């Protein structure tokens, strides 16, 4: 099990990588493949949500610093 100090995003990414490796190996039956796929999709959504939240925090910090206007930040892609 992951260390409790490891951020949730990193844990989710690690689990997602493990699921992808299992699916790519191709040595699981169909029912397990479907379950792994569903879990992988849920993890991917969690990671996307976490990345969007991080981007919002970065944008907010930049706006508060006066380096980016709110109009500009809405047009920018996630930088990572």
C-alpha atoms as a PDB file:
ATOM      1  CA  UNK A   1       0.000   0.000   0.000  1.00  0.00           C
ATOM      2  CA  UNK A   2       1.152   3.555  -0.715  1.00  0.00           C
ATOM      3  CA  UNK A   3       2.641   5.743   1.965  1.00  0.00           C
ATOM      4  CA  UNK A   4      -0.022   7.995   3.556  1.00  0.00           C
ATOM      5  CA  UNK A   5       2.174  11.003   2.798  1.00  0.00           C
ATOM      6  CA  UNK A   6       2.030  10.275  -0.932  1.00  0.00           C
ATOM      7  CA  UNK A   7      -0.438  12.704  -2.510  1.00  0.00           C
ATOM      8  CA  UNK A   8      -3.645  11.211  -3.860  1.00  0.00           C
ATOM      9  CA  UNK A   9      -2.855  12.277  -7.440  1.00  0.00           C
ATOM     10  CA  UNK A  10       0.374  10.287  -7.467  1.00  0.00           C
ATOM     11  CA  UNK A  11      -1.368   7.258  -5.963  1.00  0.00           C
ATOM     12  CA  UNK A  12      -4.092   7.426  -8.590  1.00  0.00           C
ATOM     13  CA  UNK A  13      -1.540   7.747 -11.399  1.00  0.00           C
ATOM     14  CA  UNK A  14       0.410   4.761 -10.083  1.00  0.00           C
ATOM     15  CA  UNK A  15      -2.762   2.652  -9.919  1.00  0.00           C
ATOM     16  CA  UNK A  16      -3.704   3.767 -13.419  1.00  0.00           C
ATOM     17  CA  UNK A  17      -0.264   2.789 -14.743  1.00  0.00           C
ATOM     18  CA  UNK A  18      -0.607  -0.641 -13.104  1.00  0.00           C
ATOM     19  CA  UNK A  19      -4.026  -1.140 -14.684  1.00  0.00           C
ATOM     20  CA  UNK A  20      -2.715  -0.156 -18.116  1.00  0.00           C
ATOM     21  CA  UNK A  21       0.176  -2.608 -17.747  1.00  0.00           C
ATOM     22  CA  UNK A  22      -2.219  -5.433 -16.840  1.00  0.00           C
ATOM     23  CA  UNK A  23      -4.499  -4.646 -19.762  1.00  0.00           C
ATOM     24  CA  UNK A  24      -1.577  -4.419 -22.178  1.00  0.00           C
ATOM     25  CA  UNK A  25      -0.174  -7.743 -20.939  1.00  0.00           C
ATOM     26  CA  UNK A  26      -3.391  -9.377 -22.111  1.00  0.00           C
ATOM     27  CA  UNK A  27      -3.334 -12.232 -19.619  1.00  0.00           C
ATOM     28  CA  UNK A  28      -6.625 -11.412 -17.844  1.00  0.00           C
ATOM     29  CA  UNK A  29     -10.062 -12.723 -18.679  1.00  0.00           C
ATOM     30  CA  UNK A  30     -12.803 -10.578 -20.178  1.00  0.00           C
ATOM     31  CA  UNK A  31     -14.674  -9.918 -16.929  1.00  0.00           C
ATOM     32  CA  UNK A  32     -11.506  -8.729 -15.201  1.00  0.00           C
ATOM     33  CA  UNK A  33     -10.603  -6.616 -18.231  1.00  0.00           C
ATOM     34  CA  UNK A  34     -13.968  -4.854 -18.027  1.00  0.00           C
ATOM     35  CA  UNK A  35     -13.549  -4.205 -14.290  1.00  0.00           C
ATOM     36  CA  UNK A  36     -10.001  -2.931 -14.788  1.00  0.00           C
ATOM     37  CA  UNK A  37     -11.191  -0.674 -17.590  1.00  0.00           C
ATOM     38  CA  UNK A  38     -13.970   0.798 -15.430  1.00  0.00           C
ATOM     39  CA  UNK A  39     -11.579   1.384 -12.523  1.00  0.00           C
ATOM     40  CA  UNK A  40      -9.049   2.940 -14.898  1.00  0.00           C
ATOM     41  CA  UNK A  41     -11.634   5.339 -16.293  1.00  0.00           C
ATOM     42  CA  UNK A  42     -12.633   6.401 -12.766  1.00  0.00           C
ATOM     43  CA  UNK A  43      -8.982   6.979 -11.862  1.00  0.00           C
ATOM     44  CA  UNK A  44      -8.425   8.974 -15.053  1.00  0.00           C
ATOM     45  CA  UNK A  45     -11.366  11.232 -14.160  1.00  0.00           C
ATOM     46  CA  UNK A  46      -9.956  11.723 -10.640  1.00  0.00           C
ATOM     47  CA  UNK A  47      -6.572  12.675 -12.084  1.00  0.00           C
ATOM     48  CA  UNK A  48      -8.141  15.081 -14.565  1.00  0.00           C
ATOM     49  CA  UNK A  49     -10.106  16.742 -11.758  1.00  0.00           C
ATOM     50  CA  UNK A  50      -6.956  17.064  -9.639  1.00  0.00           C
ATOM     51  CA  UNK A  51      -5.021  18.588 -12.546  1.00  0.00           C
ATOM     52  CA  UNK A  52      -7.789  21.093 -13.238  1.00  0.00           C
ATOM     53  CA  UNK A  53      -7.877  22.083  -9.553  1.00  0.00           C
ATOM     54  CA  UNK A  54      -4.101  22.537  -9.553  1.00  0.00           C
ATOM     55  CA  UNK A  55      -4.326  24.662 -12.706  1.00  0.00           C
ATOM     56  CA  UNK A  56      -6.980  26.841 -11.074  1.00  0.00           C
ATOM     57  CA  UNK A  57      -4.720  27.350  -8.057  1.00  0.00           C
ATOM     58  CA  UNK A  58      -1.798  28.312 -10.280  1.00  0.00           C
ATOM     59  CA  UNK A  59      -3.993  30.695 -12.289  1.00  0.00           C
ATOM     60  CA  UNK A  60      -5.335  32.235  -9.096  1.00  0.00           C
ATOM     61  CA  UNK A  61      -1.849  32.714  -7.690  1.00  0.00           C
ATOM     62  CA  UNK A  62      -0.731  34.348 -10.917  1.00  0.00           C
ATOM     63  CA  UNK A  63      -3.771  36.652 -10.978  1.00  0.00           C
ATOM     64  CA  UNK A  64      -3.139  37.649  -7.377  1.00  0.00           C
ATOM     65  CA  UNK A  65       0.439  38.434  -8.311  1.00  0.00           C
ATOM     66  CA  UNK A  66      -0.837  40.619 -11.157  1.00  0.00           C
ATOM     67  CA  UNK A  67       0.985  38.719 -13.899  1.00  0.00           C
ATOM     68  CA  UNK A  68      -2.060  37.134 -15.586  1.00  0.00           C
ATOM     69  CA  UNK A  69      -5.501  38.582 -16.145  1.00  0.00           C
ATOM     70  CA  UNK A  70      -8.518  36.313 -15.635  1.00  0.00           C
ATOM     71  CA  UNK A  71      -9.338  36.602 -19.371  1.00  0.00           C
ATOM     72  CA  UNK A  72      -5.856  35.405 -20.320  1.00  0.00           C
ATOM     73  CA  UNK A  73      -5.884  32.440 -17.935  1.00  0.00           C
ATOM     74  CA  UNK A  74      -9.155  31.093 -19.349  1.00  0.00           C
ATOM     75  CA  UNK A  75      -7.537  30.853 -22.786  1.00  0.00           C
ATOM     76  CA  UNK A  76      -4.418  29.006 -21.628  1.00  0.00           C
ATOM     77  CA  UNK A  77      -3.925  25.253 -21.586  1.00  0.00           C
ATOM     78  CA  UNK A  78      -2.700  23.328 -18.578  1.00  0.00           C
ATOM     79  CA  UNK A  79       1.078  23.808 -18.644  1.00  0.00           C
ATOM     80  CA  UNK A  80       1.915  20.320 -17.363  1.00  0.00           C
END
